[in-house]
Amino acid sequence: MRVTRPFIVLSFVATTLVAWFVIRMGFGEHPLVWRTSCLLGAWAPVLSSLLFVYVRSVGDREHSVSVAWLVRAIGMHCVLLWMCGIGDWLGGPPGGDRRWIADAGAPLVLLGFVPVFAVTFTAVEWLRSVSKRIPHAFLRPAMPGERSSIEAFRGVELVRETVRIAPSPRAAYAIGGASIAASWVAPEHSIALCGLAGVALALACIKNARALVPSVLSLIGASVVAGSARVVHGADSLFHTLAVAPWAALAAIVALLVPLELALRARCANVGVAA
């Protein structure tokens, strides 16, 4: 499988961010641009965490000065995305009476990015750590002629093979589908429903290592469906729901990771005692 070069991915991200800030500076008084800025500000810590994890995972594949400059520029723009979005939200819609002194409040908004990013990045790294401790795939040296290889450090060709011992995670599919349906029927109880679904999915992941990915996707889907149901019923606006959606999904994933982490630690402790 051919993997896109990190330089292309980072160039696309940087170009998109620069284009958005051009729109923000030129049409900032438009209500749609203001709402979009607030929305992107809410997403900025999640986007920053995912990009940071991506850069760390592909750091050995690029060694040019241009890529290093791109990474630093993207990091700066992600912080700026947060500052502009939160500043627009605190300042209120264009033409409103709410006063927001940007010069005095900008340092506080900048400092507020640190704990929010730390929490988000910790959750993402926690998910990666749990996924690595659940054996589901391994890397081996590529044989001559294999096209699905990826180039690792120092030009060594590796192939990722999935362990096929575990059966299809039917329990995870059933629990995930039930949580999505329940979130649509009772969106006002979506937090409790996602918490219960996270605990049940954690048990499914312990019994079947292949259940982690569908479990995470189903919890994200349940959070999005709950927000969509509230919009349909008129309880929330679309932009408010979109701003809350990534954080609701993150909370649901944490509800999955807590019992899963405890179960993995208990399993390691039992193995150590048995040894």
C-alpha atoms as a PDB file:
ATOM      1  CA  MET A   1       0.000   0.000   0.000  1.00  0.00           C
ATOM      2  CA  ARG A   2       1.380   3.367  -1.041  1.00  0.00           C
ATOM      3  CA  VAL A   3       1.522   5.897   1.800  1.00  0.00           C
ATOM      4  CA  THR A   4       1.266   9.638   1.131  1.00  0.00           C
ATOM      5  CA  ARG A   5       4.417  11.539   1.977  1.00  0.00           C
ATOM      6  CA  PRO A   6       4.184  13.603   5.166  1.00  0.00           C
ATOM      7  CA  PHE A   7       5.394  16.643   3.220  1.00  0.00           C
ATOM      8  CA  ILE A   8       2.262  16.522   1.039  1.00  0.00           C
ATOM      9  CA  VAL A   9      -0.055  16.098   4.042  1.00  0.00           C
ATOM     10  CA  LEU A  10       1.578  18.911   6.005  1.00  0.00           C
ATOM     11  CA  SER A  11       1.596  21.209   2.968  1.00  0.00           C
ATOM     12  CA  PHE A  12      -2.138  20.654   2.509  1.00  0.00           C
ATOM     13  CA  VAL A  13      -2.833  21.374   6.200  1.00  0.00           C
ATOM     14  CA  ALA A  14      -0.691  24.514   6.168  1.00  0.00           C
ATOM     15  CA  THR A  15      -2.311  25.799   2.956  1.00  0.00           C
ATOM     16  CA  THR A  16      -5.787  25.206   4.370  1.00  0.00           C
ATOM     17  CA  LEU A  17      -4.984  27.077   7.587  1.00  0.00           C
ATOM     18  CA  VAL A  18      -3.480  30.034   5.730  1.00  0.00           C
ATOM     19  CA  ALA A  19      -6.488  30.195   3.391  1.00  0.00           C
ATOM     20  CA  TRP A  20      -8.847  30.205   6.366  1.00  0.00           C
ATOM     21  CA  PHE A  21      -7.032  33.063   8.092  1.00  0.00           C
ATOM     22  CA  VAL A  22      -7.162  35.076   4.869  1.00  0.00           C
ATOM     23  CA  ILE A  23     -10.952  34.579   4.858  1.00  0.00           C
ATOM     24  CA  ARG A  24     -11.137  35.377   8.569  1.00  0.00           C
ATOM     25  CA  MET A  25      -9.248  38.652   8.190  1.00  0.00           C
ATOM     26  CA  GLY A  26     -11.106  39.726   5.072  1.00  0.00           C
ATOM     27  CA  PHE A  27     -14.676  38.749   6.005  1.00  0.00           C
ATOM     28  CA  GLY A  28     -14.593  38.534   9.801  1.00  0.00           C
ATOM     29  CA  GLU A  29     -17.774  40.610  10.198  1.00  0.00           C
ATOM     30  CA  HIS A  30     -19.901  38.121   8.274  1.00  0.00           C
ATOM     31  CA  PRO A  31     -22.057  35.990  10.649  1.00  0.00           C
ATOM     32  CA  LEU A  32     -21.169  32.738   8.870  1.00  0.00           C
ATOM     33  CA  VAL A  33     -17.436  33.480   9.118  1.00  0.00           C
ATOM     34  CA  TRP A  34     -17.866  34.368  12.808  1.00  0.00           C
ATOM     35  CA  ARG A  35     -19.680  31.090  13.531  1.00  0.00           C
ATOM     36  CA  THR A  36     -17.095  29.098  11.604  1.00  0.00           C
ATOM     37  CA  SER A  37     -14.289  30.793  13.525  1.00  0.00           C
ATOM     38  CA  CYS A  38     -15.920  29.878  16.844  1.00  0.00           C
ATOM     39  CA  LEU A  39     -16.382  26.321  15.609  1.00  0.00           C
ATOM     40  CA  LEU A  40     -12.760  25.955  14.518  1.00  0.00           C
ATOM     41  CA  GLY A  41     -11.645  27.416  17.830  1.00  0.00           C
ATOM     42  CA  ALA A  42     -13.520  24.653  19.631  1.00  0.00           C
ATOM     43  CA  TRP A  43     -11.881  22.053  17.387  1.00  0.00           C
ATOM     44  CA  ALA A  44      -8.376  23.544  17.567  1.00  0.00           C
ATOM     45  CA  PRO A  45      -7.053  21.531  20.566  1.00  0.00           C
ATOM     46  CA  VAL A  46      -8.317  18.255  19.068  1.00  0.00           C
ATOM     47  CA  LEU A  47      -6.813  19.120  15.685  1.00  0.00           C
ATOM     48  CA  SER A  48      -3.527  20.110  17.341  1.00  0.00           C
ATOM     49  CA  SER A  49      -3.336  16.838  19.277  1.00  0.00           C
ATOM     50  CA  LEU A  50      -4.008  14.716  16.204  1.00  0.00           C
ATOM     51  CA  LEU A  51      -1.442  16.623  14.143  1.00  0.00           C
ATOM     52  CA  PHE A  52       1.137  16.337  16.918  1.00  0.00           C
ATOM     53  CA  VAL A  53       0.607  12.588  17.123  1.00  0.00           C
ATOM     54  CA  TYR A  54       0.854  12.352  13.320  1.00  0.00           C
ATOM     55  CA  VAL A  55       4.122  14.311  13.244  1.00  0.00           C
ATOM     56  CA  ARG A  56       5.632  12.107  15.940  1.00  0.00           C
ATOM     57  CA  SER A  57       4.611   8.933  14.103  1.00  0.00           C
ATOM     58  CA  VAL A  58       6.067   9.980  10.715  1.00  0.00           C
ATOM     59  CA  GLY A  59       9.022  11.984  11.976  1.00  0.00           C
ATOM     60  CA  ASP A  60      11.536   9.414  10.710  1.00  0.00           C
ATOM     61  CA  ARG A  61      10.280   9.682   7.126  1.00  0.00           C
ATOM     62  CA  GLU A  62      11.183  13.336   6.516  1.00  0.00           C
ATOM     63  CA  HIS A  63      14.503  15.065   7.227  1.00  0.00           C
ATOM     64  CA  SER A  64      14.304  18.361   5.310  1.00  0.00           C
ATOM     65  CA  VAL A  65      14.356  21.904   6.599  1.00  0.00           C
ATOM     66  CA  SER A  66      11.128  22.718   4.732  1.00  0.00           C
ATOM     67  CA  VAL A  67       9.202  20.032   6.627  1.00  0.00           C
ATOM     68  CA  ALA A  68      10.594  21.255   9.950  1.00  0.00           C
ATOM     69  CA  TRP A  69       9.463  24.763   9.055  1.00  0.00           C
ATOM     70  CA  LEU A  70       6.021  23.470   8.042  1.00  0.00           C
ATOM     71  CA  VAL A  71       5.574  21.664  11.372  1.00  0.00           C
ATOM     72  CA  ARG A  72       6.413  24.773  13.377  1.00  0.00           C
ATOM     73  CA  ALA A  73       4.196  26.958  11.209  1.00  0.00           C
ATOM     74  CA  ILE A  74       1.268  24.549  11.593  1.00  0.00           C
ATOM     75  CA  GLY A  75       1.722  24.481  15.372  1.00  0.00           C
ATOM     76  CA  MET A  76       1.655  28.284  15.512  1.00  0.00           C
ATOM     77  CA  HIS A  77      -1.437  28.450  13.317  1.00  0.00           C
ATOM     78  CA  CYS A  78      -3.257  25.872  15.450  1.00  0.00           C
ATOM     79  CA  VAL A  79      -2.722  28.041  18.530  1.00  0.00           C
ATOM     80  CA  LEU A  80      -3.838  31.068  16.513  1.00  0.00           C
ATOM     81  CA  LEU A  81      -6.923  29.136  15.430  1.00  0.00           C
ATOM     82  CA  TRP A  82      -7.813  28.650  19.103  1.00  0.00           C
ATOM     83  CA  MET A  83      -7.147  32.268  20.019  1.00  0.00           C
ATOM     84  CA  CYS A  84      -9.207  33.695  17.144  1.00  0.00           C
ATOM     85  CA  GLY A  85     -12.083  31.274  17.687  1.00  0.00           C
ATOM     86  CA  ILE A  86     -12.352  31.687  21.442  1.00  0.00           C
ATOM     87  CA  GLY A  87     -11.864  35.435  21.103  1.00  0.00           C
ATOM     88  CA  ASP A  88     -14.712  35.623  18.584  1.00  0.00           C
ATOM     89  CA  TRP A  89     -16.919  33.549  20.866  1.00  0.00           C
ATOM     90  CA  LEU A  90     -16.190  35.746  23.880  1.00  0.00           C
ATOM     91  CA  GLY A  91     -16.706  38.882  21.821  1.00  0.00           C
ATOM     92  CA  GLY A  92     -20.130  37.773  20.642  1.00  0.00           C
ATOM     93  CA  PRO A  93     -21.634  37.925  17.158  1.00  0.00           C
ATOM     94  CA  PRO A  94     -20.830  40.839  14.835  1.00  0.00           C
ATOM     95  CA  GLY A  95     -22.824  43.928  15.740  1.00  0.00           C
ATOM     96  CA  GLY A  96     -23.619  42.732  19.268  1.00  0.00           C
ATOM     97  CA  ASP A  97     -23.418  44.741  22.481  1.00  0.00           C
ATOM     98  CA  ARG A  98     -21.086  42.367  24.337  1.00  0.00           C
ATOM     99  CA  ARG A  99     -17.689  43.908  25.049  1.00  0.00           C
ATOM    100  CA  TRP A 100     -14.528  41.855  24.810  1.00  0.00           C
ATOM    101  CA  ILE A 101     -11.201  43.629  25.255  1.00  0.00           C
ATOM    102  CA  ALA A 102      -8.993  41.459  23.070  1.00  0.00           C
ATOM    103  CA  ASP A 103      -5.714  43.079  24.104  1.00  0.00           C
ATOM    104  CA  ALA A 104      -6.339  42.325  27.787  1.00  0.00           C
ATOM    105  CA  GLY A 105      -7.991  38.947  27.316  1.00  0.00           C
ATOM    106  CA  ALA A 106      -5.735  37.446  24.645  1.00  0.00           C
ATOM    107  CA  PRO A 107      -3.017  36.348  27.132  1.00  0.00           C
ATOM    108  CA  LEU A 108      -5.647  34.526  29.199  1.00  0.00           C
ATOM    109  CA  VAL A 109      -6.989  32.790  26.097  1.00  0.00           C
ATOM    110  CA  LEU A 110      -3.451  31.802  25.124  1.00  0.00           C
ATOM    111  CA  LEU A 111      -2.795  30.351  28.581  1.00  0.00           C
ATOM    112  CA  GLY A 112      -6.129  28.508  28.394  1.00  0.00           C
ATOM    113  CA  PHE A 113      -4.899  26.570  25.385  1.00  0.00           C
ATOM    114  CA  VAL A 114      -2.259  24.776  27.473  1.00  0.00           C
ATOM    115  CA  PRO A 115      -4.520  22.745  29.829  1.00  0.00           C
ATOM    116  CA  VAL A 116      -7.075  22.033  27.106  1.00  0.00           C
ATOM    117  CA  PHE A 117      -4.390  20.768  24.736  1.00  0.00           C
ATOM    118  CA  ALA A 118      -2.768  18.747  27.527  1.00  0.00           C
ATOM    119  CA  VAL A 119      -6.030  16.972  28.339  1.00  0.00           C
ATOM    120  CA  THR A 120      -6.778  16.267  24.681  1.00  0.00           C
ATOM    121  CA  PHE A 121      -3.280  15.050  23.873  1.00  0.00           C
ATOM    122  CA  THR A 122      -3.253  12.827  26.955  1.00  0.00           C
ATOM    123  CA  ALA A 123      -6.500  11.187  25.831  1.00  0.00           C
ATOM    124  CA  VAL A 124      -5.183  10.605  22.295  1.00  0.00           C
ATOM    125  CA  GLU A 125      -1.901   9.174  23.553  1.00  0.00           C
ATOM    126  CA  TRP A 126      -3.786   7.020  26.049  1.00  0.00           C
ATOM    127  CA  LEU A 127      -5.827   5.571  23.212  1.00  0.00           C
ATOM    128  CA  ARG A 128      -2.654   4.840  21.230  1.00  0.00           C
ATOM    129  CA  SER A 129      -1.042   3.220  24.260  1.00  0.00           C
ATOM    130  CA  VAL A 130      -4.025   0.950  24.860  1.00  0.00           C
ATOM    131  CA  SER A 131      -4.195  -0.013  21.179  1.00  0.00           C
ATOM    132  CA  LYS A 132      -0.528  -1.038  21.239  1.00  0.00           C
ATOM    133  CA  ARG A 133      -1.003  -3.202  24.335  1.00  0.00           C
ATOM    134  CA  ILE A 134      -3.870  -5.098  22.707  1.00  0.00           C
ATOM    135  CA  PRO A 135      -2.106  -7.392  20.231  1.00  0.00           C
ATOM    136  CA  HIS A 136      -3.822  -7.143  16.873  1.00  0.00           C
ATOM    137  CA  ALA A 137      -1.024  -6.656  14.336  1.00  0.00           C
ATOM    138  CA  PHE A 138       2.748  -6.876  13.965  1.00  0.00           C
ATOM    139  CA  LEU A 139       5.434  -5.698  11.554  1.00  0.00           C
ATOM    140  CA  ARG A 140       7.773  -8.068   9.759  1.00  0.00           C
ATOM    141  CA  PRO A 141      10.453  -7.546   7.087  1.00  0.00           C
ATOM    142  CA  ALA A 142       8.997  -7.475   3.584  1.00  0.00           C
ATOM    143  CA  MET A 143       9.694 -10.325   1.213  1.00  0.00           C
ATOM    144  CA  PRO A 144      10.889  -9.537  -2.323  1.00  0.00           C
ATOM    145  CA  GLY A 145       8.013  -8.505  -4.568  1.00  0.00           C
ATOM    146  CA  GLU A 146       5.515  -7.607  -1.814  1.00  0.00           C
ATOM    147  CA  ARG A 147       3.713  -4.402  -2.750  1.00  0.00           C
ATOM    148  CA  SER A 148       2.006  -3.722   0.567  1.00  0.00           C
ATOM    149  CA  SER A 149       5.282  -2.799   2.250  1.00  0.00           C
ATOM    150  CA  ILE A 150       6.016   0.505   3.946  1.00  0.00           C
ATOM    151  CA  GLU A 151       9.422   2.115   4.155  1.00  0.00           C
ATOM    152  CA  ALA A 152      10.644   2.398   7.725  1.00  0.00           C
ATOM    153  CA  PHE A 153      13.749   3.979   9.199  1.00  0.00           C
ATOM    154  CA  ARG A 154      16.955   3.617   7.136  1.00  0.00           C
ATOM    155  CA  GLY A 155      15.131   2.151   4.161  1.00  0.00           C
ATOM    156  CA  VAL A 156      14.028  -1.144   5.758  1.00  0.00           C
ATOM    157  CA  GLU A 157      10.856  -2.388   4.070  1.00  0.00           C
ATOM    158  CA  LEU A 158       8.244  -3.672   6.530  1.00  0.00           C
ATOM    159  CA  VAL A 159       4.863  -5.320   6.100  1.00  0.00           C
ATOM    160  CA  ARG A 160       2.028  -5.054   8.619  1.00  0.00           C
ATOM    161  CA  GLU A 161       0.164  -8.309   9.169  1.00  0.00           C
ATOM    162  CA  THR A 162      -3.050  -8.557  11.141  1.00  0.00           C
ATOM    163  CA  VAL A 163      -3.521 -11.349  13.634  1.00  0.00           C
ATOM    164  CA  ARG A 164      -6.519 -13.356  12.457  1.00  0.00           C
ATOM    165  CA  ILE A 165      -6.859 -15.564  15.515  1.00  0.00           C
ATOM    166  CA  ALA A 166      -9.662 -13.533  17.062  1.00  0.00           C
ATOM    167  CA  PRO A 167     -13.112 -13.855  15.474  1.00  0.00           C
ATOM    168  CA  SER A 168     -15.150 -10.967  14.160  1.00  0.00           C
ATOM    169  CA  PRO A 169     -16.093  -8.590  17.033  1.00  0.00           C
ATOM    170  CA  ARG A 170     -19.833  -9.118  16.778  1.00  0.00           C
ATOM    171  CA  ALA A 171     -20.441  -8.057  20.365  1.00  0.00           C
ATOM    172  CA  ALA A 172     -18.801  -4.691  19.715  1.00  0.00           C
ATOM    173  CA  TYR A 173     -20.936  -4.175  16.617  1.00  0.00           C
ATOM    174  CA  ALA A 174     -24.101  -5.012  18.539  1.00  0.00           C
ATOM    175  CA  ILE A 175     -23.263  -2.780  21.513  1.00  0.00           C
ATOM    176  CA  GLY A 176     -22.159   0.048  19.264  1.00  0.00           C
ATOM    177  CA  GLY A 177     -25.297  -0.154  17.135  1.00  0.00           C
ATOM    178  CA  ALA A 178     -27.464  -0.193  20.249  1.00  0.00           C
ATOM    179  CA  SER A 179     -25.674   2.863  21.680  1.00  0.00           C
ATOM    180  CA  ILE A 180     -26.143   4.798  18.429  1.00  0.00           C
ATOM    181  CA  ALA A 181     -29.839   3.918  18.290  1.00  0.00           C
ATOM    182  CA  ALA A 182     -30.341   4.827  21.950  1.00  0.00           C
ATOM    183  CA  SER A 183     -28.551   8.163  21.448  1.00  0.00           C
ATOM    184  CA  TRP A 184     -30.975   9.035  18.672  1.00  0.00           C
ATOM    185  CA  VAL A 185     -34.055   8.041  20.695  1.00  0.00           C
ATOM    186  CA  ALA A 186     -32.948   9.712  23.957  1.00  0.00           C
ATOM    187  CA  PRO A 187     -30.326  12.357  23.122  1.00  0.00           C
ATOM    188  CA  GLU A 188     -30.827  14.097  26.475  1.00  0.00           C
ATOM    189  CA  HIS A 189     -29.310  11.036  28.174  1.00  0.00           C
ATOM    190  CA  SER A 190     -26.463  10.604  25.678  1.00  0.00           C
ATOM    191  CA  ILE A 191     -23.730  11.123  28.306  1.00  0.00           C
ATOM    192  CA  ALA A 192     -25.015   8.295  30.495  1.00  0.00           C
ATOM    193  CA  LEU A 193     -25.670   6.086  27.467  1.00  0.00           C
ATOM    194  CA  CYS A 194     -22.150   6.598  26.094  1.00  0.00           C
ATOM    195  CA  GLY A 195     -20.691   5.899  29.534  1.00  0.00           C
ATOM    196  CA  LEU A 196     -22.555   2.616  29.846  1.00  0.00           C
ATOM    197  CA  ALA A 197     -21.693   1.708  26.263  1.00  0.00           C
ATOM    198  CA  GLY A 198     -18.022   2.484  26.956  1.00  0.00           C
ATOM    199  CA  VAL A 199     -17.931   0.053  29.884  1.00  0.00           C
ATOM    200  CA  ALA A 200     -19.662  -2.670  27.851  1.00  0.00           C
ATOM    201  CA  LEU A 201     -17.363  -2.099  24.878  1.00  0.00           C
ATOM    202  CA  ALA A 202     -14.326  -2.283  27.161  1.00  0.00           C
ATOM    203  CA  LEU A 203     -15.391  -5.794  28.178  1.00  0.00           C
ATOM    204  CA  ALA A 204     -15.800  -6.670  24.495  1.00  0.00           C
ATOM    205  CA  CYS A 205     -12.292  -5.352  23.748  1.00  0.00           C
ATOM    206  CA  ILE A 206     -10.770  -7.464  26.519  1.00  0.00           C
ATOM    207  CA  LYS A 207     -12.330 -10.605  25.062  1.00  0.00           C
ATOM    208  CA  ASN A 208     -11.568  -9.698  21.436  1.00  0.00           C
ATOM    209  CA  ALA A 209      -8.637  -7.476  20.449  1.00  0.00           C
ATOM    210  CA  ARG A 210     -10.255  -6.595  17.124  1.00  0.00           C
ATOM    211  CA  ALA A 211     -13.126  -4.816  18.872  1.00  0.00           C
ATOM    212  CA  LEU A 212     -11.184  -1.652  19.741  1.00  0.00           C
ATOM    213  CA  VAL A 213     -11.532   0.162  16.405  1.00  0.00           C
ATOM    214  CA  PRO A 214     -15.292  -0.465  15.979  1.00  0.00           C
ATOM    215  CA  SER A 215     -15.786   0.456  19.642  1.00  0.00           C
ATOM    216  CA  VAL A 216     -14.117   3.850  19.210  1.00  0.00           C
ATOM    217  CA  LEU A 217     -15.967   4.515  15.954  1.00  0.00           C
ATOM    218  CA  SER A 218     -19.320   3.582  17.481  1.00  0.00           C
ATOM    219  CA  LEU A 219     -18.784   5.921  20.450  1.00  0.00           C
ATOM    220  CA  ILE A 220     -17.897   8.757  18.083  1.00  0.00           C
ATOM    221  CA  GLY A 221     -20.978   7.908  16.030  1.00  0.00           C
ATOM    222  CA  ALA A 222     -23.189   7.873  19.122  1.00  0.00           C
ATOM    223  CA  SER A 223     -21.958  11.338  20.131  1.00  0.00           C
ATOM    224  CA  VAL A 224     -22.578  12.725  16.645  1.00  0.00           C
ATOM    225  CA  VAL A 225     -26.005  11.092  16.424  1.00  0.00           C
ATOM    226  CA  ALA A 226     -27.026  12.491  19.814  1.00  0.00           C
ATOM    227  CA  GLY A 227     -26.071  15.993  18.701  1.00  0.00           C
ATOM    228  CA  SER A 228     -27.908  15.545  15.408  1.00  0.00           C
ATOM    229  CA  ALA A 229     -31.025  14.426  17.271  1.00  0.00           C
ATOM    230  CA  ARG A 230     -30.930  17.540  19.442  1.00  0.00           C
ATOM    231  CA  VAL A 231     -30.669  19.699  16.320  1.00  0.00           C
ATOM    232  CA  VAL A 232     -33.618  17.903  14.702  1.00  0.00           C
ATOM    233  CA  HIS A 233     -35.708  18.339  17.846  1.00  0.00           C
ATOM    234  CA  GLY A 234     -34.805  22.033  18.012  1.00  0.00           C
ATOM    235  CA  ALA A 235     -32.983  21.846  21.343  1.00  0.00           C
ATOM    236  CA  ASP A 236     -29.593  23.036  20.011  1.00  0.00           C
ATOM    237  CA  SER A 237     -28.299  24.939  17.024  1.00  0.00           C
ATOM    238  CA  LEU A 238     -26.179  23.250  14.383  1.00  0.00           C
ATOM    239  CA  PHE A 239     -23.019  25.212  15.160  1.00  0.00           C
ATOM    240  CA  HIS A 240     -23.339  24.595  18.890  1.00  0.00           C
ATOM    241  CA  THR A 241     -23.708  20.871  18.258  1.00  0.00           C
ATOM    242  CA  LEU A 242     -20.718  20.784  15.914  1.00  0.00           C
ATOM    243  CA  ALA A 243     -18.607  22.629  18.478  1.00  0.00           C
ATOM    244  CA  VAL A 244     -19.506  20.195  21.262  1.00  0.00           C
ATOM    245  CA  ALA A 245     -19.322  17.019  19.121  1.00  0.00           C
ATOM    246  CA  PRO A 246     -15.525  16.376  19.308  1.00  0.00           C
ATOM    247  CA  TRP A 247     -15.494  16.898  23.074  1.00  0.00           C
ATOM    248  CA  ALA A 248     -18.494  14.634  23.613  1.00  0.00           C
ATOM    249  CA  ALA A 249     -16.778  11.966  21.520  1.00  0.00           C
ATOM    250  CA  LEU A 250     -13.567  12.433  23.515  1.00  0.00           C
ATOM    251  CA  ALA A 251     -15.446  11.990  26.792  1.00  0.00           C
ATOM    252  CA  ALA A 252     -17.094   8.833  25.443  1.00  0.00           C
ATOM    253  CA  ILE A 253     -13.702   7.418  24.434  1.00  0.00           C
ATOM    254  CA  VAL A 254     -12.340   8.139  27.918  1.00  0.00           C
ATOM    255  CA  ALA A 255     -15.298   6.205  29.327  1.00  0.00           C
ATOM    256  CA  LEU A 256     -14.082   3.275  27.214  1.00  0.00           C
ATOM    257  CA  LEU A 257     -10.415   3.666  28.150  1.00  0.00           C
ATOM    258  CA  VAL A 258     -10.818   3.786  31.937  1.00  0.00           C
ATOM    259  CA  PRO A 259     -12.220   0.237  32.427  1.00  0.00           C
ATOM    260  CA  LEU A 260     -10.071  -1.062  29.563  1.00  0.00           C
ATOM    261  CA  GLU A 261      -6.915   0.303  31.185  1.00  0.00           C
ATOM    262  CA  LEU A 262      -7.870  -1.205  34.554  1.00  0.00           C
ATOM    263  CA  ALA A 263      -8.565  -4.575  32.930  1.00  0.00           C
ATOM    264  CA  LEU A 264      -5.234  -4.559  31.067  1.00  0.00           C
ATOM    265  CA  ARG A 265      -3.340  -3.703  34.238  1.00  0.00           C
ATOM    266  CA  ALA A 266      -5.168  -6.452  36.134  1.00  0.00           C
ATOM    267  CA  ARG A 267      -4.296  -8.912  33.381  1.00  0.00           C
ATOM    268  CA  CYS A 268      -0.606  -7.942  33.546  1.00  0.00           C
ATOM    269  CA  ALA A 269      -0.659  -8.277  37.333  1.00  0.00           C
ATOM    270  CA  ASN A 270      -2.199 -11.745  37.104  1.00  0.00           C
ATOM    271  CA  VAL A 271       0.409 -12.814  34.551  1.00  0.00           C
ATOM    272  CA  GLY A 272       3.183 -11.537  36.813  1.00  0.00           C
ATOM    273  CA  VAL A 273       1.800 -13.428  39.798  1.00  0.00           C
ATOM    274  CA  ALA A 274       1.444 -16.603  37.759  1.00  0.00           C
ATOM    275  CA  ALA A 275       5.031 -16.305  36.528  1.00  0.00           C
END
